[in-house]
Protein backbone atom coordinates (compact mmCIF):
# COMPACT_ATOMS: atom_id res chain seq x y z
CA MET A 1 0.03 0.29 -0.35
CA LEU A 2 1.66 3.56 -0.80
CA ILE A 3 -0.14 5.15 2.10
CA ARG A 4 2.02 4.98 5.26
CA ARG A 5 2.96 7.05 8.27
CA CYS A 6 6.61 8.57 8.31
CA PRO A 7 8.67 7.20 11.29
CA ILE A 8 9.00 10.18 13.96
CA GLY A 9 12.46 10.61 15.22
CA ILE A 10 15.85 10.55 14.06
CA THR A 11 17.86 6.90 13.57
CA GLY A 12 21.41 6.83 13.83
CA LYS A 13 23.72 8.42 16.80
CA THR A 14 24.90 11.80 16.43
CA ASN A 15 27.43 13.56 18.86
CA ALA A 16 25.94 16.90 17.87
CA MET A 17 22.58 18.16 16.36
CA SER A 18 23.37 19.41 12.83
CA PRO A 19 21.56 21.95 11.00
CA LYS A 20 19.23 19.54 9.08
CA THR A 21 18.45 17.73 12.75
CA SER A 22 17.84 20.66 14.55
CA SER A 23 15.25 21.74 11.57
CA PHE A 24 13.88 18.40 11.51
CA ALA A 25 13.50 19.04 15.45
CA ARG A 26 11.58 22.24 14.94
CA GLY A 27 9.50 20.93 12.08
CA ARG A 28 8.03 18.08 14.31
CA ASP A 29 7.87 20.90 17.50
CA ALA A 30 5.81 23.19 15.11
CA GLU A 31 3.66 20.00 13.72
CA GLU A 32 2.71 18.98 17.36
CA ARG A 33 1.86 22.82 18.55
CA ALA A 34 -0.45 22.93 15.31
CA ALA A 35 -1.91 19.83 16.23
CA GLU A 36 -2.70 20.53 19.52
CA TYR A 37 -4.19 24.01 18.80
CA LEU A 38 -6.30 22.61 15.79
CA GLU A 39 -7.35 19.81 18.43
CA ARG A 40 -8.56 22.59 20.75
CA LEU A 41 -10.37 24.03 18.19
CA GLY A 42 -12.58 20.50 17.71
CA TYR A 43 -10.74 19.14 14.45
CA ARG A 44 -10.08 15.69 14.64
CA ILE A 45 -6.64 14.44 13.60
CA ILE A 46 -6.51 11.31 11.79
CA GLY A 47 -2.85 11.16 10.42
CA ARG A 48 0.48 13.49 10.70
CA ASN A 49 3.11 13.12 8.29
CA VAL A 50 1.21 11.34 5.56
CA ARG A 51 3.12 10.19 2.78
CA VAL A 52 1.63 8.91 -0.73
CA GLY A 53 4.42 7.34 -2.20
CA ARG A 54 7.26 9.32 -3.96
CA LEU A 55 4.41 12.44 -4.44
CA GLY A 56 4.82 13.98 -1.01
CA GLU A 57 3.77 14.28 2.10
CA ILE A 58 0.95 15.91 3.99
CA ASP A 59 1.69 17.36 7.53
CA LEU A 60 -1.80 16.72 8.85
CA VAL A 61 -4.86 15.32 8.05
CA ALA A 62 -7.92 16.08 9.85
CA TYR A 63 -11.73 16.16 9.98
CA ASP A 64 -13.60 19.34 10.97
CA GLY A 65 -16.84 18.41 11.57
CA GLU A 66 -17.81 16.34 8.56
CA VAL A 67 -15.01 17.91 6.00
CA LEU A 68 -11.78 16.49 5.70
CA VAL A 69 -9.15 18.84 6.20
CA PHE A 70 -5.72 18.71 4.66
CA ILE A 71 -3.13 20.79 6.88
CA GLU A 72 0.12 22.54 5.57
CA VAL A 73 2.15 23.47 8.67
CA LYS A 74 4.80 26.46 8.33
CA ALA A 75 7.21 27.40 10.86
CA ARG A 76 9.70 30.26 11.22
CA SER A 77 11.86 30.71 14.45
CA SER A 78 12.10 34.62 12.86
CA LYS A 79 10.64 37.21 10.80
CA ARG A 80 14.31 37.37 8.77
CA PHE A 81 13.01 35.79 5.70
CA GLY A 82 9.48 36.56 5.61
CA LEU A 83 6.32 34.88 7.44
CA PRO A 84 5.67 31.55 7.77
CA GLU A 85 2.69 31.36 5.42
CA ASP A 86 5.06 33.17 3.03
CA ALA A 87 6.44 29.98 2.20
CA LEU A 88 3.76 28.63 0.37
CA THR A 89 4.39 29.07 -3.23
CA LEU A 90 1.71 28.01 -5.58
CA ARG A 91 4.12 25.19 -6.41
CA LYS A 92 4.04 23.71 -3.15
CA GLN A 93 -0.11 24.34 -3.51
CA ARG A 94 -0.53 22.38 -6.88
CA ARG A 95 2.24 19.16 -5.23
CA LEU A 96 -0.50 19.39 -1.89
CA LEU A 97 -3.60 19.14 -4.43
CA GLU A 98 -1.66 16.66 -6.59
CA VAL A 99 -0.87 14.52 -3.24
CA ALA A 100 -4.32 15.12 -1.70
CA ARG A 101 -5.91 13.59 -5.10
CA ALA A 102 -3.66 10.54 -4.48
CA TYR A 103 -4.55 10.12 -0.87
CA LEU A 104 -8.18 10.40 -1.63
CA SER A 105 -8.08 7.83 -4.42
CA LEU A 106 -5.84 5.09 -2.36
CA SER A 107 -8.23 5.64 0.52
CA GLY A 108 -11.43 5.27 -1.44
CA LEU A 109 -12.73 8.53 -0.63
CA GLU A 110 -13.08 10.44 -4.06
CA GLY A 111 -15.49 12.72 -4.33
CA ILE A 112 -15.49 13.67 -0.55
CA VAL A 113 -15.67 17.53 0.40
CA CYS A 114 -12.25 18.55 1.49
CA ARG A 115 -10.25 21.79 2.06
CA PHE A 116 -6.97 23.13 2.70
CA ASP A 117 -5.75 24.90 5.37
CA VAL A 118 -2.63 26.36 6.71
CA ILE A 119 -1.03 26.75 10.20
CA ALA A 120 1.42 29.47 10.23
CA LEU A 121 3.83 29.45 13.38
CA GLU A 122 6.43 32.16 14.59
CA LEU A 123 8.41 30.36 17.32
CA GLY A 124 10.57 33.26 18.05
CA ALA A 125 7.58 34.84 19.51
CA GLN A 126 6.70 34.55 23.16
CA PRO A 127 5.04 33.03 23.46
CA PRO A 128 5.27 31.22 19.96
CA ALA A 129 2.20 33.30 17.35
CA ILE A 130 -0.15 30.86 15.71
CA ARG A 131 -2.46 31.69 12.79
CA LEU A 132 -5.09 29.62 11.31
CA TYR A 133 -6.03 30.21 7.42
CA ARG A 134 -9.01 27.88 6.94
CA ASN A 135 -9.84 26.71 3.56
CA ALA A 136 -6.12 28.77 2.32
CA PHE A 137 -6.27 27.66 -1.23
CA GLY A 138 -8.14 25.49 -3.63
CA SER A 139 -11.73 24.89 -2.55
CA GLU A 140 -14.39 23.57 -0.68
CA GLU A 141 -15.52 20.97 -3.40
CA ALA A 142 -15.04 17.13 -3.78
CA LEU A 143 -11.59 16.53 -5.51
């Protein structure tokens, strides 16, 4: 089956955190914060780091009521390179649409109403700032 959950954690031994490892840990922390935030809003998380073959990965998959929601989590530790949500390019949006279509097809959920939300986290702020963009791109319709 092509749908699988990506392992959380890093395998192998390292003496110090490399920039890539540090970035990986920050990303997982951001996704955990986003999931907790969404659960407080009533979302029901059904998948984390869902990889669909070689097409790509969806950060979070959840239900908001009866609507299936694919959630992209974007985080930045500073505003030096812009806001987190600015990193969601049109190319990335198209890729997420493609991954979501494959997810729906492989799950037998074609034709279900779904949407794409984006969570932006500014981790450098105290407390970290969290913004939710519901129906951020695409449309709330069947894929």
